[in-house]
Amino acid sequence: MQRSVFGVFTAFLCGICVLCAMQAFRKKRTGLGIIFLLNAFTNLVNSIHAFYNTLF
């Protein structure tokens, strides 16, 4: 149960990071947008690890 809650939380953070990246790209701040996209990818990987309990 604790892992699935962590997975849902990181998936939610992934969505927030994608929205922030879109706003950063609209304001012509590409460096910040790239950082948010990398963070979104990391959160997506963490949520997959939490749900399936495997590293690779």
C-alpha atoms as a PDB file:
ATOM      1  CA  MET A   1       0.000   0.000   0.000  1.00  0.00           C
ATOM      2  CA  GLN A   2       2.795   2.419   0.853  1.00  0.00           C
ATOM      3  CA  ARG A   3       4.481   1.839  -2.497  1.00  0.00           C
ATOM      4  CA  SER A   4       1.315   2.526  -4.485  1.00  0.00           C
ATOM      5  CA  VAL A   5       0.758   5.779  -2.558  1.00  0.00           C
ATOM      6  CA  PHE A   6       4.320   6.801  -3.359  1.00  0.00           C
ATOM      7  CA  GLY A   7       3.747   5.873  -7.004  1.00  0.00           C
ATOM      8  CA  VAL A   8       0.599   7.981  -7.233  1.00  0.00           C
ATOM      9  CA  PHE A   9       2.353  10.903  -5.556  1.00  0.00           C
ATOM     10  CA  THR A  10       5.307  10.782  -7.958  1.00  0.00           C
ATOM     11  CA  ALA A  11       2.958  10.459 -10.950  1.00  0.00           C
ATOM     12  CA  PHE A  12       1.136  13.567  -9.709  1.00  0.00           C
ATOM     13  CA  LEU A  13       4.470  15.398  -9.419  1.00  0.00           C
ATOM     14  CA  CYS A  14       5.310  14.285 -12.953  1.00  0.00           C
ATOM     15  CA  GLY A  15       2.154  15.979 -14.227  1.00  0.00           C
ATOM     16  CA  ILE A  16       2.960  19.158 -12.334  1.00  0.00           C
ATOM     17  CA  CYS A  17       6.477  19.212 -13.788  1.00  0.00           C
ATOM     18  CA  VAL A  18       5.138  18.829 -17.328  1.00  0.00           C
ATOM     19  CA  LEU A  19       2.768  21.760 -16.777  1.00  0.00           C
ATOM     20  CA  CYS A  20       5.596  23.890 -15.381  1.00  0.00           C
ATOM     21  CA  ALA A  21       7.799  22.960 -18.344  1.00  0.00           C
ATOM     22  CA  MET A  22       5.102  24.077 -20.773  1.00  0.00           C
ATOM     23  CA  GLN A  23       4.865  27.430 -19.002  1.00  0.00           C
ATOM     24  CA  ALA A  24       8.654  27.818 -19.033  1.00  0.00           C
ATOM     25  CA  PHE A  25       8.838  27.117 -22.777  1.00  0.00           C
ATOM     26  CA  ARG A  26       6.064  29.663 -23.438  1.00  0.00           C
ATOM     27  CA  LYS A  27       8.086  32.316 -21.637  1.00  0.00           C
ATOM     28  CA  LYS A  28      11.193  31.441 -23.704  1.00  0.00           C
ATOM     29  CA  ARG A  29      13.077  29.941 -20.754  1.00  0.00           C
ATOM     30  CA  THR A  30      14.348  26.804 -22.378  1.00  0.00           C
ATOM     31  CA  GLY A  31      16.891  25.872 -19.692  1.00  0.00           C
ATOM     32  CA  LEU A  32      14.258  25.866 -16.982  1.00  0.00           C
ATOM     33  CA  GLY A  33      11.877  23.929 -19.222  1.00  0.00           C
ATOM     34  CA  ILE A  34      14.493  21.254 -19.866  1.00  0.00           C
ATOM     35  CA  ILE A  35      15.152  20.898 -16.146  1.00  0.00           C
ATOM     36  CA  PHE A  36      11.430  20.459 -15.502  1.00  0.00           C
ATOM     37  CA  LEU A  37      11.189  17.833 -18.250  1.00  0.00           C
ATOM     38  CA  LEU A  38      14.135  15.910 -16.792  1.00  0.00           C
ATOM     39  CA  ASN A  39      12.458  16.044 -13.388  1.00  0.00           C
ATOM     40  CA  ALA A  40       9.202  14.797 -14.933  1.00  0.00           C
ATOM     41  CA  PHE A  41      11.043  11.865 -16.508  1.00  0.00           C
ATOM     42  CA  THR A  42      12.674  11.039 -13.176  1.00  0.00           C
ATOM     43  CA  ASN A  43       9.297  11.134 -11.424  1.00  0.00           C
ATOM     44  CA  LEU A  44       7.814   8.868 -14.082  1.00  0.00           C
ATOM     45  CA  VAL A  45      10.607   6.332 -13.589  1.00  0.00           C
ATOM     46  CA  ASN A  46      10.157   6.493  -9.802  1.00  0.00           C
ATOM     47  CA  SER A  47       6.423   5.878 -10.084  1.00  0.00           C
ATOM     48  CA  ILE A  48       7.018   2.835 -12.314  1.00  0.00           C
ATOM     49  CA  HIS A  49       9.536   1.502  -9.781  1.00  0.00           C
ATOM     50  CA  ALA A  50       7.052   2.041  -6.953  1.00  0.00           C
ATOM     51  CA  PHE A  51       4.221   0.219  -8.705  1.00  0.00           C
ATOM     52  CA  TYR A  52       6.173  -2.750 -10.067  1.00  0.00           C
ATOM     53  CA  ASN A  53       8.860  -2.975  -7.350  1.00  0.00           C
ATOM     54  CA  THR A  54      11.614  -3.547  -9.890  1.00  0.00           C
ATOM     55  CA  LEU A  55      14.574  -1.428 -10.862  1.00  0.00           C
ATOM     56  CA  PHE A  56      14.877  -2.581 -14.490  1.00  0.00           C
END
